[in-house]
Amino acid sequence: MQYSYLVVDDDEGNAKDTLNRFDEFPEFYCIGTAVNNDDAVNKILELRPQLVFLEINPKSKANLSFTVITDLYRYINVLPYFIVLADSEKFAFEAIKHGVFDYLQKPLHIYELRKTLFKFKKQVLWPQYDNDKPAVQQLQTIATGMRPLDNEAEFDRAPTGVQKSEVDIQICIKSYGDYQFIALKDVVYLKADNNTTDFYMQNGKKLTAYKTLKHYENNLPSFFYRIHNSYIVNSNYVSRINTGKLLCYLDNNDVSVSFSKTFKDNIDTIIRKIAPEYL
């Protein structure tokens, strides 16, 4: 299972130093970076990382602060896990008040980062299942890479006591009285067709859903990326990206779909996820 993270730091050197610490943790991939509070809020809302590493340094010109967290509550109910990076323990109490997941002092030591990441994985993979507790529901959402659903009935749910990662996430495609249940891992890409969406499956089949591509963009797990006004791709099937021709190849190059410059950030994220050394 892979986990996405965002680094919020106005110092490029510090940001690269943080990124380099993740060489030992291939299951974590950087989904992007941000250099100020507004940029951080925008990137979090757009990219939906599971972890956010927030640099707090009162001497920095960007004046990065905990307002990133308070601002996010204006727009979303489920926040990513925040890990604060600071030069001293000065901001630890304020970090606790804002509900951050962990607080690490700089310079960032690999063994401290390792403990934090293991603690994160333990928490999201082994929650105490209790459907009456919103916090648990949030953990289940984050653990599976799912965004909050507009229509929860459309996706299946894991049985109580079973790790969600062990259960195929399925989607129901309804056409009048016909209900088709498909595993999202078998979806290669989605294509918009006016107010409907075509699902192209790994077995070559095409299924039509009577909902817009925008609906699925907002509800699919984090391994799906919109790369064009007409396309959403499953990044697990991406086999080649040609930035010159603006083409994304899928399913061992058997299929190619166009991507647009509007969604170039998502293309960069896919490349960063698959081969971070090339960005």
C-alpha atoms as a PDB file:
ATOM      1  CA  MET A   1       0.000   0.000   0.000  1.00  0.00           C
ATOM      2  CA  GLN A   2       1.285   3.480  -0.846  1.00  0.00           C
ATOM      3  CA  TYR A   3       0.778   6.753   1.001  1.00  0.00           C
ATOM      4  CA  SER A   4       0.994  10.279  -0.357  1.00  0.00           C
ATOM      5  CA  TYR A   5       2.521  13.269   1.399  1.00  0.00           C
ATOM      6  CA  LEU A   6       2.956  16.994   0.815  1.00  0.00           C
ATOM      7  CA  VAL A   7       5.909  19.090   2.013  1.00  0.00           C
ATOM      8  CA  VAL A   8       5.166  22.676   3.047  1.00  0.00           C
ATOM      9  CA  ASP A   9       8.411  24.653   3.271  1.00  0.00           C
ATOM     10  CA  ASP A  10       9.462  27.962   1.737  1.00  0.00           C
ATOM     11  CA  ASP A  11      13.135  26.933   1.732  1.00  0.00           C
ATOM     12  CA  GLU A  12      13.950  24.798  -1.311  1.00  0.00           C
ATOM     13  CA  GLY A  13      17.025  23.324   0.359  1.00  0.00           C
ATOM     14  CA  ASN A  14      15.075  22.280   3.448  1.00  0.00           C
ATOM     15  CA  ALA A  15      12.316  20.797   1.301  1.00  0.00           C
ATOM     16  CA  LYS A  16      14.817  18.700  -0.676  1.00  0.00           C
ATOM     17  CA  ASP A  17      16.427  17.554   2.570  1.00  0.00           C
ATOM     18  CA  THR A  18      13.038  16.350   3.814  1.00  0.00           C
ATOM     19  CA  LEU A  19      12.336  14.594   0.506  1.00  0.00           C
ATOM     20  CA  ASN A  20      15.709  12.840   0.596  1.00  0.00           C
ATOM     21  CA  ARG A  21      14.840  11.294   3.961  1.00  0.00           C
ATOM     22  CA  PHE A  22      12.128   9.273   2.235  1.00  0.00           C
ATOM     23  CA  ASP A  23      14.559   7.276   0.098  1.00  0.00           C
ATOM     24  CA  GLU A  24      14.317   4.499   2.688  1.00  0.00           C
ATOM     25  CA  PHE A  25      10.511   4.485   2.600  1.00  0.00           C
ATOM     26  CA  PRO A  26       9.388   3.642  -0.969  1.00  0.00           C
ATOM     27  CA  GLU A  27       5.788   3.119   0.147  1.00  0.00           C
ATOM     28  CA  PHE A  28       5.554   6.901   0.697  1.00  0.00           C
ATOM     29  CA  TYR A  29       5.562   9.211  -2.318  1.00  0.00           C
ATOM     30  CA  CYS A  30       5.624  12.998  -2.577  1.00  0.00           C
ATOM     31  CA  ILE A  31       2.483  14.359  -4.180  1.00  0.00           C
ATOM     32  CA  GLY A  32       3.789  17.945  -4.248  1.00  0.00           C
ATOM     33  CA  THR A  33       5.329  20.864  -2.368  1.00  0.00           C
ATOM     34  CA  ALA A  34       4.027  24.235  -1.195  1.00  0.00           C
ATOM     35  CA  VAL A  35       5.877  27.416  -0.265  1.00  0.00           C
ATOM     36  CA  ASN A  36       3.325  29.480   1.692  1.00  0.00           C
ATOM     37  CA  ASN A  37       0.054  29.168   3.594  1.00  0.00           C
ATOM     38  CA  ASP A  38      -2.249  29.861   0.644  1.00  0.00           C
ATOM     39  CA  ASP A  39      -0.269  27.536  -1.605  1.00  0.00           C
ATOM     40  CA  ALA A  40      -0.460  24.819   1.048  1.00  0.00           C
ATOM     41  CA  VAL A  41      -4.235  25.111   1.441  1.00  0.00           C
ATOM     42  CA  ASN A  42      -4.711  25.054  -2.328  1.00  0.00           C
ATOM     43  CA  LYS A  43      -2.437  22.024  -2.830  1.00  0.00           C
ATOM     44  CA  ILE A  44      -4.096  20.086  -0.003  1.00  0.00           C
ATOM     45  CA  LEU A  45      -7.573  20.734  -1.395  1.00  0.00           C
ATOM     46  CA  GLU A  46      -6.450  19.859  -4.916  1.00  0.00           C
ATOM     47  CA  LEU A  47      -4.169  16.873  -4.315  1.00  0.00           C
ATOM     48  CA  ARG A  48      -5.613  15.437  -1.082  1.00  0.00           C
ATOM     49  CA  PRO A  49      -2.368  14.125   0.468  1.00  0.00           C
ATOM     50  CA  GLN A  50      -2.602  11.707   3.377  1.00  0.00           C
ATOM     51  CA  LEU A  51       0.326  13.299   5.237  1.00  0.00           C
ATOM     52  CA  VAL A  52       1.465  16.931   5.365  1.00  0.00           C
ATOM     53  CA  PHE A  53       4.903  17.937   6.636  1.00  0.00           C
ATOM     54  CA  LEU A  54       4.566  21.542   7.784  1.00  0.00           C
ATOM     55  CA  GLU A  55       7.701  23.589   8.444  1.00  0.00           C
ATOM     56  CA  ILE A  56       7.218  26.170  11.208  1.00  0.00           C
ATOM     57  CA  ASN A  57       9.910  28.841  11.217  1.00  0.00           C
ATOM     58  CA  PRO A  58       9.049  32.349  12.482  1.00  0.00           C
ATOM     59  CA  LYS A  59      12.144  33.725  10.742  1.00  0.00           C
ATOM     60  CA  SER A  60      11.013  32.678   7.278  1.00  0.00           C
ATOM     61  CA  LYS A  61       9.612  35.311   4.929  1.00  0.00           C
ATOM     62  CA  ALA A  62       6.612  33.143   4.061  1.00  0.00           C
ATOM     63  CA  ASN A  63       5.599  33.049   7.751  1.00  0.00           C
ATOM     64  CA  LEU A  64       4.250  29.504   7.524  1.00  0.00           C
ATOM     65  CA  SER A  65       1.926  28.833  10.445  1.00  0.00           C
ATOM     66  CA  PHE A  66      -0.858  26.730  11.911  1.00  0.00           C
ATOM     67  CA  THR A  67      -3.394  28.855  10.036  1.00  0.00           C
ATOM     68  CA  VAL A  68      -3.041  26.256   7.271  1.00  0.00           C
ATOM     69  CA  ILE A  69      -4.913  23.846   9.540  1.00  0.00           C
ATOM     70  CA  THR A  70      -7.574  26.296  10.703  1.00  0.00           C
ATOM     71  CA  ASP A  71      -8.173  27.506   7.138  1.00  0.00           C
ATOM     72  CA  LEU A  72      -8.711  23.963   5.898  1.00  0.00           C
ATOM     73  CA  TYR A  73     -11.581  23.421   8.333  1.00  0.00           C
ATOM     74  CA  ARG A  74     -13.500  26.068   6.408  1.00  0.00           C
ATOM     75  CA  TYR A  75     -13.577  23.807   3.361  1.00  0.00           C
ATOM     76  CA  ILE A  76     -13.284  20.152   4.408  1.00  0.00           C
ATOM     77  CA  ASN A  77     -14.190  18.006   7.399  1.00  0.00           C
ATOM     78  CA  VAL A  78     -11.481  15.362   7.048  1.00  0.00           C
ATOM     79  CA  LEU A  79      -7.939  16.735   7.196  1.00  0.00           C
ATOM     80  CA  PRO A  80      -4.715  14.915   6.356  1.00  0.00           C
ATOM     81  CA  TYR A  81      -2.314  13.963   9.128  1.00  0.00           C
ATOM     82  CA  PHE A  82      -0.099  16.961   9.919  1.00  0.00           C
ATOM     83  CA  ILE A  83       3.499  16.526  11.056  1.00  0.00           C
ATOM     84  CA  VAL A  84       5.192  19.723  12.183  1.00  0.00           C
ATOM     85  CA  LEU A  85       8.900  20.295  11.559  1.00  0.00           C
ATOM     86  CA  ALA A  86      10.550  22.942  13.743  1.00  0.00           C
ATOM     87  CA  ASP A  87      13.990  23.918  15.024  1.00  0.00           C
ATOM     88  CA  SER A  88      12.932  23.739  18.684  1.00  0.00           C
ATOM     89  CA  GLU A  89      10.138  22.620  21.009  1.00  0.00           C
ATOM     90  CA  LYS A  90       8.813  26.176  21.161  1.00  0.00           C
ATOM     91  CA  PHE A  91       5.695  25.449  19.102  1.00  0.00           C
ATOM     92  CA  ALA A  92       4.914  22.013  20.545  1.00  0.00           C
ATOM     93  CA  PHE A  93       2.035  23.189  22.766  1.00  0.00           C
ATOM     94  CA  GLU A  94       0.443  25.126  19.927  1.00  0.00           C
ATOM     95  CA  ALA A  95       0.837  22.075  17.706  1.00  0.00           C
ATOM     96  CA  ILE A  96      -1.038  19.958  20.260  1.00  0.00           C
ATOM     97  CA  LYS A  97      -3.851  22.508  20.383  1.00  0.00           C
ATOM     98  CA  HIS A  98      -4.195  22.262  16.612  1.00  0.00           C
ATOM     99  CA  GLY A  99      -4.360  18.469  16.760  1.00  0.00           C
ATOM    100  CA  VAL A 100      -1.230  17.677  14.740  1.00  0.00           C
ATOM    101  CA  PHE A 101      -0.265  14.025  14.445  1.00  0.00           C
ATOM    102  CA  ASP A 102       3.393  14.451  15.390  1.00  0.00           C
ATOM    103  CA  TYR A 103       6.061  17.052  16.074  1.00  0.00           C
ATOM    104  CA  LEU A 104       9.634  16.535  14.873  1.00  0.00           C
ATOM    105  CA  GLN A 105      12.631  18.691  15.637  1.00  0.00           C
ATOM    106  CA  LYS A 106      15.138  19.640  12.988  1.00  0.00           C
ATOM    107  CA  PRO A 107      17.562  18.546  11.799  1.00  0.00           C
ATOM    108  CA  LEU A 108      15.295  15.668  10.864  1.00  0.00           C
ATOM    109  CA  HIS A 109      16.803  12.354  11.954  1.00  0.00           C
ATOM    110  CA  ILE A 110      15.929   9.272   9.975  1.00  0.00           C
ATOM    111  CA  TYR A 111      15.089   7.188  13.046  1.00  0.00           C
ATOM    112  CA  GLU A 112      12.620   9.817  14.304  1.00  0.00           C
ATOM    113  CA  LEU A 113      10.979   9.962  10.886  1.00  0.00           C
ATOM    114  CA  ARG A 114      10.829   6.166  10.789  1.00  0.00           C
ATOM    115  CA  LYS A 115       9.001   6.049  14.137  1.00  0.00           C
ATOM    116  CA  THR A 116       6.512   8.657  12.956  1.00  0.00           C
ATOM    117  CA  LEU A 117       5.798   6.841   9.705  1.00  0.00           C
ATOM    118  CA  PHE A 118       5.356   3.513  11.465  1.00  0.00           C
ATOM    119  CA  LYS A 119       3.020   5.154  13.955  1.00  0.00           C
ATOM    120  CA  PHE A 120       1.028   6.606  11.057  1.00  0.00           C
ATOM    121  CA  LYS A 121       0.788   3.238   9.303  1.00  0.00           C
ATOM    122  CA  LYS A 122      -0.264   1.531  12.513  1.00  0.00           C
ATOM    123  CA  GLN A 123      -2.990   4.074  13.120  1.00  0.00           C
ATOM    124  CA  VAL A 124      -4.509   4.040   9.639  1.00  0.00           C
ATOM    125  CA  LEU A 125      -4.253   0.292   9.090  1.00  0.00           C
ATOM    126  CA  TRP A 126      -5.464  -0.909  12.488  1.00  0.00           C
ATOM    127  CA  PRO A 127      -8.221   1.429  13.672  1.00  0.00           C
ATOM    128  CA  GLN A 128     -10.649   0.269  16.335  1.00  0.00           C
ATOM    129  CA  TYR A 129     -13.751  -0.140  14.212  1.00  0.00           C
ATOM    130  CA  ASP A 130     -16.705   1.740  15.635  1.00  0.00           C
ATOM    131  CA  ASN A 131     -19.141   3.204  13.151  1.00  0.00           C
ATOM    132  CA  ASP A 132     -20.441   5.633  15.744  1.00  0.00           C
ATOM    133  CA  LYS A 133     -17.133   7.464  15.949  1.00  0.00           C
ATOM    134  CA  PRO A 134     -16.452  10.081  13.242  1.00  0.00           C
ATOM    135  CA  ALA A 135     -12.703   9.892  13.900  1.00  0.00           C
ATOM    136  CA  VAL A 136     -12.663   6.223  12.933  1.00  0.00           C
ATOM    137  CA  GLN A 137     -14.572   6.986   9.769  1.00  0.00           C
ATOM    138  CA  GLN A 138     -11.916   9.550   8.952  1.00  0.00           C
ATOM    139  CA  LEU A 139      -9.161   6.990   9.496  1.00  0.00           C
ATOM    140  CA  GLN A 140     -10.908   4.496   7.232  1.00  0.00           C
ATOM    141  CA  THR A 141     -11.177   7.176   4.556  1.00  0.00           C
ATOM    142  CA  ILE A 142      -7.502   8.087   4.791  1.00  0.00           C
ATOM    143  CA  ALA A 143      -6.300   4.475   4.992  1.00  0.00           C
ATOM    144  CA  THR A 144      -7.933   3.555   1.697  1.00  0.00           C
ATOM    145  CA  GLY A 145      -7.000   6.758  -0.107  1.00  0.00           C
ATOM    146  CA  MET A 146     -10.685   7.567  -0.524  1.00  0.00           C
ATOM    147  CA  ARG A 147     -12.032  11.073  -0.573  1.00  0.00           C
ATOM    148  CA  PRO A 148     -15.277  11.812   1.296  1.00  0.00           C
ATOM    149  CA  LEU A 149     -18.082  10.492  -0.901  1.00  0.00           C
ATOM    150  CA  ASP A 150     -20.947  12.523  -2.306  1.00  0.00           C
ATOM    151  CA  ASN A 151     -22.981   9.325  -2.468  1.00  0.00           C
ATOM    152  CA  GLU A 152     -21.682   6.739  -0.028  1.00  0.00           C
ATOM    153  CA  ALA A 153     -23.994   4.016  -1.317  1.00  0.00           C
ATOM    154  CA  GLU A 154     -22.087   3.970  -4.571  1.00  0.00           C
ATOM    155  CA  PHE A 155     -18.996   2.332  -3.031  1.00  0.00           C
ATOM    156  CA  ASP A 156     -18.843  -0.830  -1.004  1.00  0.00           C
ATOM    157  CA  ARG A 157     -17.693  -0.983   2.604  1.00  0.00           C
ATOM    158  CA  ALA A 158     -15.294  -3.345   4.340  1.00  0.00           C
ATOM    159  CA  PRO A 159     -16.781  -5.823   6.806  1.00  0.00           C
ATOM    160  CA  THR A 160     -16.246  -4.891  10.443  1.00  0.00           C
ATOM    161  CA  GLY A 161     -12.889  -6.097  11.744  1.00  0.00           C
ATOM    162  CA  VAL A 162     -11.341  -6.511   8.287  1.00  0.00           C
ATOM    163  CA  GLN A 163      -8.643  -4.211   6.946  1.00  0.00           C
ATOM    164  CA  LYS A 164     -10.014  -2.159   4.074  1.00  0.00           C
ATOM    165  CA  SER A 165      -6.805  -2.709   2.127  1.00  0.00           C
ATOM    166  CA  GLU A 166      -7.630  -6.429   1.993  1.00  0.00           C
ATOM    167  CA  VAL A 167     -10.994  -5.831   0.371  1.00  0.00           C
ATOM    168  CA  ASP A 168     -11.404  -4.863  -3.281  1.00  0.00           C
ATOM    169  CA  ILE A 169     -12.977  -1.433  -3.447  1.00  0.00           C
ATOM    170  CA  GLN A 170     -15.934  -1.714  -5.767  1.00  0.00           C
ATOM    171  CA  ILE A 171     -18.167   0.747  -7.541  1.00  0.00           C
ATOM    172  CA  CYS A 172     -21.740   0.177  -8.606  1.00  0.00           C
ATOM    173  CA  ILE A 173     -22.652   1.306 -12.116  1.00  0.00           C
ATOM    174  CA  LYS A 174     -26.411   1.619 -12.371  1.00  0.00           C
ATOM    175  CA  SER A 175     -28.353   1.688 -15.617  1.00  0.00           C
ATOM    176  CA  TYR A 176     -32.081   1.779 -14.934  1.00  0.00           C
ATOM    177  CA  GLY A 177     -32.710  -1.491 -13.068  1.00  0.00           C
ATOM    178  CA  ASP A 178     -29.332  -3.006 -13.932  1.00  0.00           C
ATOM    179  CA  TYR A 179     -26.636  -2.851 -11.213  1.00  0.00           C
ATOM    180  CA  GLN A 180     -23.081  -3.779 -12.199  1.00  0.00           C
ATOM    181  CA  PHE A 181     -20.389  -4.070  -9.534  1.00  0.00           C
ATOM    182  CA  ILE A 182     -16.809  -3.655 -10.691  1.00  0.00           C
ATOM    183  CA  ALA A 183     -13.479  -3.586  -8.853  1.00  0.00           C
ATOM    184  CA  LEU A 184     -11.742  -0.240  -9.217  1.00  0.00           C
ATOM    185  CA  LYS A 185      -8.399  -1.992  -9.576  1.00  0.00           C
ATOM    186  CA  ASP A 186      -9.668  -3.330 -12.921  1.00  0.00           C
ATOM    187  CA  VAL A 187     -10.555   0.113 -14.319  1.00  0.00           C
ATOM    188  CA  VAL A 188      -7.857   1.353 -16.734  1.00  0.00           C
ATOM    189  CA  TYR A 189      -9.364   4.764 -17.481  1.00  0.00           C
ATOM    190  CA  LEU A 190     -12.580   6.771 -17.635  1.00  0.00           C
ATOM    191  CA  LYS A 191     -13.768   8.899 -20.537  1.00  0.00           C
ATOM    192  CA  ALA A 192     -16.373  11.660 -20.479  1.00  0.00           C
ATOM    193  CA  ASP A 193     -19.231  11.423 -22.959  1.00  0.00           C
ATOM    194  CA  ASN A 194     -21.452  14.458 -22.437  1.00  0.00           C
ATOM    195  CA  ASN A 195     -23.274  13.774 -19.147  1.00  0.00           C
ATOM    196  CA  THR A 196     -22.247  10.122 -18.973  1.00  0.00           C
ATOM    197  CA  THR A 197     -18.924   8.434 -18.239  1.00  0.00           C
ATOM    198  CA  ASP A 198     -17.454   5.394 -19.978  1.00  0.00           C
ATOM    199  CA  PHE A 199     -15.375   2.984 -17.884  1.00  0.00           C
ATOM    200  CA  TYR A 200     -12.702   1.137 -19.869  1.00  0.00           C
ATOM    201  CA  MET A 201     -11.794  -2.102 -18.144  1.00  0.00           C
ATOM    202  CA  GLN A 202      -8.610  -4.149 -18.115  1.00  0.00           C
ATOM    203  CA  ASN A 203     -10.465  -7.026 -19.817  1.00  0.00           C
ATOM    204  CA  GLY A 204     -11.352  -4.777 -22.775  1.00  0.00           C
ATOM    205  CA  LYS A 205     -14.971  -4.159 -21.829  1.00  0.00           C
ATOM    206  CA  LYS A 206     -16.580  -0.721 -21.781  1.00  0.00           C
ATOM    207  CA  LEU A 207     -19.276   0.188 -19.258  1.00  0.00           C
ATOM    208  CA  THR A 208     -21.341   3.380 -19.259  1.00  0.00           C
ATOM    209  CA  ALA A 209     -22.330   5.208 -16.066  1.00  0.00           C
ATOM    210  CA  TYR A 210     -24.969   7.914 -16.001  1.00  0.00           C
ATOM    211  CA  LYS A 211     -22.900  10.364 -13.996  1.00  0.00           C
ATOM    212  CA  THR A 212     -20.411  13.029 -15.046  1.00  0.00           C
ATOM    213  CA  LEU A 213     -16.645  12.663 -15.061  1.00  0.00           C
ATOM    214  CA  LYS A 214     -16.507  15.438 -12.454  1.00  0.00           C
ATOM    215  CA  HIS A 215     -18.518  13.276 -10.077  1.00  0.00           C
ATOM    216  CA  TYR A 216     -15.988  10.468 -10.320  1.00  0.00           C
ATOM    217  CA  GLU A 217     -13.041  12.860 -10.094  1.00  0.00           C
ATOM    218  CA  ASN A 218     -14.318  13.894  -6.665  1.00  0.00           C
ATOM    219  CA  ASN A 219     -15.025  10.380  -5.423  1.00  0.00           C
ATOM    220  CA  LEU A 220     -12.437   7.961  -6.761  1.00  0.00           C
ATOM    221  CA  PRO A 221      -9.430   6.776  -4.688  1.00  0.00           C
ATOM    222  CA  SER A 222      -6.129   8.615  -4.830  1.00  0.00           C
ATOM    223  CA  PHE A 223      -4.583   6.376  -7.517  1.00  0.00           C
ATOM    224  CA  PHE A 224      -6.961   7.877 -10.101  1.00  0.00           C
ATOM    225  CA  TYR A 225      -5.900  11.178 -11.708  1.00  0.00           C
ATOM    226  CA  ARG A 226      -7.704  13.511 -14.052  1.00  0.00           C
ATOM    227  CA  ILE A 227      -5.328  14.374 -16.894  1.00  0.00           C
ATOM    228  CA  HIS A 228      -7.725  15.934 -19.407  1.00  0.00           C
ATOM    229  CA  ASN A 229     -11.226  17.390 -19.535  1.00  0.00           C
ATOM    230  CA  SER A 230     -12.267  14.042 -20.993  1.00  0.00           C
ATOM    231  CA  TYR A 231     -10.052  11.536 -19.158  1.00  0.00           C
ATOM    232  CA  ILE A 232      -9.291  10.113 -15.733  1.00  0.00           C
ATOM    233  CA  VAL A 233      -6.613   7.407 -15.607  1.00  0.00           C
ATOM    234  CA  ASN A 234      -5.727   4.691 -13.130  1.00  0.00           C
ATOM    235  CA  SER A 235      -2.066   5.450 -12.378  1.00  0.00           C
ATOM    236  CA  ASN A 236      -1.394   1.768 -11.707  1.00  0.00           C
ATOM    237  CA  TYR A 237      -1.804   1.137 -15.453  1.00  0.00           C
ATOM    238  CA  VAL A 238       0.394   4.014 -16.668  1.00  0.00           C
ATOM    239  CA  SER A 239       3.270   2.541 -18.677  1.00  0.00           C
ATOM    240  CA  ARG A 240       4.608   5.576 -20.553  1.00  0.00           C
ATOM    241  CA  ILE A 241       4.194   9.357 -20.630  1.00  0.00           C
ATOM    242  CA  ASN A 242       5.257  11.437 -23.633  1.00  0.00           C
ATOM    243  CA  THR A 243       5.297  15.091 -22.584  1.00  0.00           C
ATOM    244  CA  GLY A 244       6.168  16.242 -26.108  1.00  0.00           C
ATOM    245  CA  LYS A 245       3.108  14.662 -27.700  1.00  0.00           C
ATOM    246  CA  LEU A 246       0.983  15.145 -24.550  1.00  0.00           C
ATOM    247  CA  LEU A 247       0.135  11.443 -24.504  1.00  0.00           C
ATOM    248  CA  CYS A 248      -0.288   9.047 -21.605  1.00  0.00           C
ATOM    249  CA  TYR A 249       0.070   5.345 -22.427  1.00  0.00           C
ATOM    250  CA  LEU A 250      -1.795   2.718 -20.441  1.00  0.00           C
ATOM    251  CA  ASP A 251      -1.944  -1.044 -20.043  1.00  0.00           C
ATOM    252  CA  ASN A 252       1.522  -1.856 -21.426  1.00  0.00           C
ATOM    253  CA  ASN A 253       1.232   0.823 -24.137  1.00  0.00           C
ATOM    254  CA  ASP A 254      -1.856  -0.825 -25.652  1.00  0.00           C
ATOM    255  CA  VAL A 255      -3.879   2.357 -25.097  1.00  0.00           C
ATOM    256  CA  SER A 256      -2.933   6.033 -25.346  1.00  0.00           C
ATOM    257  CA  VAL A 257      -4.990   9.005 -24.158  1.00  0.00           C
ATOM    258  CA  SER A 258      -4.263  12.709 -24.377  1.00  0.00           C
ATOM    259  CA  PHE A 259      -3.441  14.897 -21.409  1.00  0.00           C
ATOM    260  CA  SER A 260      -3.699  18.674 -21.296  1.00  0.00           C
ATOM    261  CA  LYS A 261      -1.430  21.325 -19.805  1.00  0.00           C
ATOM    262  CA  THR A 262      -4.266  22.260 -17.453  1.00  0.00           C
ATOM    263  CA  PHE A 263      -3.676  18.972 -15.642  1.00  0.00           C
ATOM    264  CA  LYS A 264       0.128  18.954 -15.945  1.00  0.00           C
ATOM    265  CA  ASP A 265       0.458  18.918 -12.132  1.00  0.00           C
ATOM    266  CA  ASN A 266      -1.357  15.582 -12.047  1.00  0.00           C
ATOM    267  CA  ILE A 267       0.966  14.199 -14.723  1.00  0.00           C
ATOM    268  CA  ASP A 268       3.958  15.330 -12.641  1.00  0.00           C
ATOM    269  CA  THR A 269       2.443  13.628  -9.608  1.00  0.00           C
ATOM    270  CA  ILE A 270       2.083  10.354 -11.517  1.00  0.00           C
ATOM    271  CA  ILE A 271       5.717  10.552 -12.646  1.00  0.00           C
ATOM    272  CA  ARG A 272       6.820  11.433  -9.124  1.00  0.00           C
ATOM    273  CA  LYS A 273       4.877   8.486  -7.749  1.00  0.00           C
ATOM    274  CA  ILE A 274       6.296   5.962 -10.224  1.00  0.00           C
ATOM    275  CA  ALA A 275       9.824   7.321 -10.733  1.00  0.00           C
ATOM    276  CA  PRO A 276      10.621  10.210  -8.350  1.00  0.00           C
ATOM    277  CA  GLU A 277      14.275  10.310  -9.428  1.00  0.00           C
ATOM    278  CA  TYR A 278      13.275  11.817 -12.790  1.00  0.00           C
ATOM    279  CA  LEU A 279      11.694  14.985 -11.368  1.00  0.00           C
END
